[in-house]
Amino acid sequence: MKVKAQPIAENHQEFSDYFNKVLDYVIPASKHVVVVTPAIVGENIENSSNIELNRLSTIMESISTKHPTVTFLNMHSVFEKYLSKVSSSEYIGTSVIRVMKDVLFYKNPSRIDRLSTKRGLYLTLDGIHLNSRGAKIVAEEYTSLIDQILYSGNTENNSE
């Protein structure tokens, strides 16, 4: 039993339409919206999934920056920057049983990090789920963005 990522939409126009509809629904009910892209699918930033995530992130940014109460955070770009400096394996966990086993048996961050290292990964346990290094990066980015929004009084568009 394997897990395979399913396309969000048939094409980029359909994705753009869906994303616009989500923002049209959320913005009126919110004082401020933060749009965050997915990070990565596997740690090889040149794989087809990450190339597509980069394209979708560009679409999300293009739409987000048109709204004054939306801030955009490109986590894909953040992770890409870190991964460009290291050598990671091609490992991506696609077995449902393997992912369940990892979740059940590797709850401790140090155990997760050891398994991540054993698999040749830098930011994730299995190419998707974060290890402590990946989680720290996400926490730092979110903290920085929240501080920027709250303490600068800036609710205008901010791009990473």
Protein backbone atom coordinates (compact mmCIF):
# COMPACT_ATOMS: atom_id res chain seq x y z
CA MET A 1 0.00 0.00 0.00
CA LYS A 2 1.67 3.19 -1.22
CA VAL A 3 0.75 6.85 -0.90
CA LYS A 4 1.08 9.03 -3.96
CA ALA A 5 0.45 12.75 -4.04
CA GLN A 6 -2.67 13.60 -5.97
CA PRO A 7 -2.83 16.79 -8.04
CA ILE A 8 -4.64 19.64 -6.35
CA ALA A 9 -6.13 20.73 -9.64
CA GLU A 10 -6.09 19.62 -13.26
CA ASN A 11 -3.97 22.61 -14.33
CA HIS A 12 -2.57 25.91 -13.11
CA GLN A 13 -5.66 27.88 -14.14
CA GLU A 14 -7.92 25.61 -12.08
CA PHE A 15 -5.51 25.89 -9.12
CA SER A 16 -5.54 29.68 -9.49
CA ASP A 17 -9.35 29.70 -9.57
CA TYR A 18 -9.55 27.52 -6.42
CA PHE A 19 -7.00 29.63 -4.61
CA ASN A 20 -8.86 32.85 -5.50
CA LYS A 21 -12.10 31.35 -4.21
CA VAL A 22 -10.46 30.37 -0.91
CA LEU A 23 -9.11 33.90 -0.42
CA ASP A 24 -12.48 35.41 -1.41
CA TYR A 25 -14.06 33.29 1.31
CA VAL A 26 -11.45 33.85 4.04
CA ILE A 27 -10.52 37.52 3.64
CA PRO A 28 -13.91 39.06 4.55
CA ALA A 29 -13.99 37.01 7.77
CA SER A 30 -10.43 37.86 8.82
CA LYS A 31 -8.53 40.92 9.94
CA HIS A 32 -5.35 39.58 8.38
CA VAL A 33 -4.57 36.43 6.38
CA VAL A 34 -1.20 34.73 6.14
CA VAL A 35 -0.71 32.50 3.11
CA VAL A 36 2.00 29.88 3.56
CA THR A 37 3.12 27.62 0.74
CA PRO A 38 3.79 23.92 1.21
CA ALA A 39 7.46 23.33 2.01
CA ILE A 40 8.77 20.35 0.04
CA VAL A 41 8.02 16.89 -1.30
CA GLY A 42 11.30 15.09 -0.85
CA GLU A 43 14.55 16.86 -0.16
CA ASN A 44 15.74 16.87 -3.77
CA ILE A 45 14.75 20.39 -4.77
CA GLU A 46 15.09 19.41 -8.44
CA ASN A 47 12.53 16.58 -8.35
CA SER A 48 9.32 17.01 -10.36
CA SER A 49 7.15 17.47 -7.26
CA ASN A 50 9.29 20.33 -5.97
CA ILE A 51 9.45 21.96 -9.39
CA GLU A 52 5.65 21.90 -9.48
CA LEU A 53 5.43 23.20 -5.89
CA ASN A 54 7.62 26.10 -6.95
CA ARG A 55 5.24 26.90 -9.81
CA LEU A 56 2.21 26.72 -7.50
CA SER A 57 3.99 28.90 -4.95
CA THR A 58 4.54 31.54 -7.64
CA ILE A 59 0.82 31.48 -8.45
CA MET A 60 -0.07 31.78 -4.74
CA GLU A 61 2.28 34.74 -4.34
CA SER A 62 0.95 36.49 -7.44
CA ILE A 63 -2.62 36.24 -6.17
CA SER A 64 -1.80 36.97 -2.52
CA THR A 65 0.06 40.20 -3.20
CA LYS A 66 -3.06 41.68 -4.79
CA HIS A 67 -4.74 41.79 -1.37
CA PRO A 68 -3.64 44.41 1.18
CA THR A 69 -4.59 42.27 4.20
CA VAL A 70 -2.72 39.18 3.02
CA THR A 71 0.87 38.39 3.89
CA PHE A 72 2.69 35.76 1.88
CA LEU A 73 5.30 33.35 3.26
CA ASN A 74 7.05 31.12 0.76
CA MET A 75 8.14 28.13 2.88
CA HIS A 76 9.09 26.26 -0.30
CA SER A 77 11.65 28.95 -1.04
CA VAL A 78 12.91 28.91 2.56
CA PHE A 79 13.44 25.13 2.49
CA GLU A 80 14.96 25.32 -0.98
CA LYS A 81 17.55 27.80 0.34
CA TYR A 82 18.58 25.44 3.15
CA LEU A 83 18.62 22.34 0.95
CA SER A 84 20.76 24.02 -1.71
CA LYS A 85 23.62 24.04 0.82
CA VAL A 86 23.48 20.35 1.79
CA SER A 87 23.43 16.94 0.19
CA SER A 88 20.23 15.04 0.96
CA SER A 89 19.08 11.64 -0.18
CA GLU A 90 16.23 10.97 -2.58
CA TYR A 91 14.29 9.16 0.17
CA ILE A 92 10.55 9.82 0.22
CA GLY A 93 8.38 7.64 2.45
CA THR A 94 5.39 6.46 0.44
CA SER A 95 4.43 3.32 2.35
CA VAL A 96 1.41 3.89 4.60
CA ILE A 97 2.66 1.17 6.94
CA ARG A 98 6.14 2.75 7.11
CA VAL A 99 4.71 6.21 7.86
CA MET A 100 2.44 4.75 10.56
CA LYS A 101 5.37 2.87 12.08
CA ASP A 102 7.48 6.02 12.07
CA VAL A 103 4.70 7.97 13.80
CA LEU A 104 4.16 5.29 16.44
CA PHE A 105 7.76 4.39 17.21
CA TYR A 106 9.69 7.61 16.66
CA LYS A 107 7.83 10.13 18.82
CA ASN A 108 10.98 11.45 20.50
CA PRO A 109 12.70 14.26 18.54
CA SER A 110 16.17 12.77 19.01
CA ARG A 111 14.97 9.40 17.67
CA ILE A 112 13.33 11.15 14.71
CA ASP A 113 16.55 13.03 14.02
CA ARG A 114 18.63 9.83 14.16
CA LEU A 115 16.30 8.08 11.69
CA SER A 116 16.34 11.18 9.49
CA THR A 117 20.14 11.14 9.45
CA LYS A 118 20.18 7.41 8.75
CA ARG A 119 17.98 8.06 5.71
CA GLY A 120 20.31 10.82 4.53
CA LEU A 121 17.76 13.56 5.10
CA TYR A 122 18.43 17.04 6.46
CA LEU A 123 15.06 18.69 7.25
CA THR A 124 12.55 15.83 7.28
CA LEU A 125 11.97 12.37 8.67
CA ASP A 126 10.69 10.94 5.40
CA GLY A 127 10.86 13.66 2.76
CA ILE A 128 7.61 15.24 3.97
CA HIS A 129 7.26 15.29 7.77
CA LEU A 130 9.65 17.58 9.59
CA ASN A 131 12.49 16.56 11.87
CA SER A 132 13.61 18.93 14.64
CA ARG A 133 15.82 20.99 12.28
CA GLY A 134 12.94 21.47 9.79
CA ALA A 135 10.50 22.26 12.60
CA LYS A 136 12.91 24.85 14.03
CA ILE A 137 13.17 26.57 10.65
CA VAL A 138 9.38 26.70 10.33
CA ALA A 139 9.02 28.03 13.89
CA GLU A 140 11.62 30.73 13.26
CA GLU A 141 9.96 31.82 10.00
CA TYR A 142 6.51 31.96 11.61
CA THR A 143 7.85 33.85 14.64
CA SER A 144 9.60 36.37 12.43
CA LEU A 145 6.49 36.89 10.33
CA ILE A 146 4.21 37.27 13.35
CA ASP A 147 6.62 39.75 14.93
CA GLN A 148 6.74 41.67 11.67
CA ILE A 149 2.95 41.85 11.47
CA LEU A 150 2.34 42.63 15.15
CA TYR A 151 5.23 44.89 16.05
CA SER A 152 5.83 46.82 12.88
CA GLY A 153 2.16 47.65 12.52
CA ASN A 154 2.59 46.62 8.92
CA THR A 155 -0.40 44.81 7.49
CA GLU A 156 0.57 45.49 3.92
CA ASN A 157 1.84 42.77 1.62
CA ASN A 158 5.09 41.19 2.72
CA SER A 159 6.92 38.72 0.53
CA GLU A 160 9.65 36.31 1.45
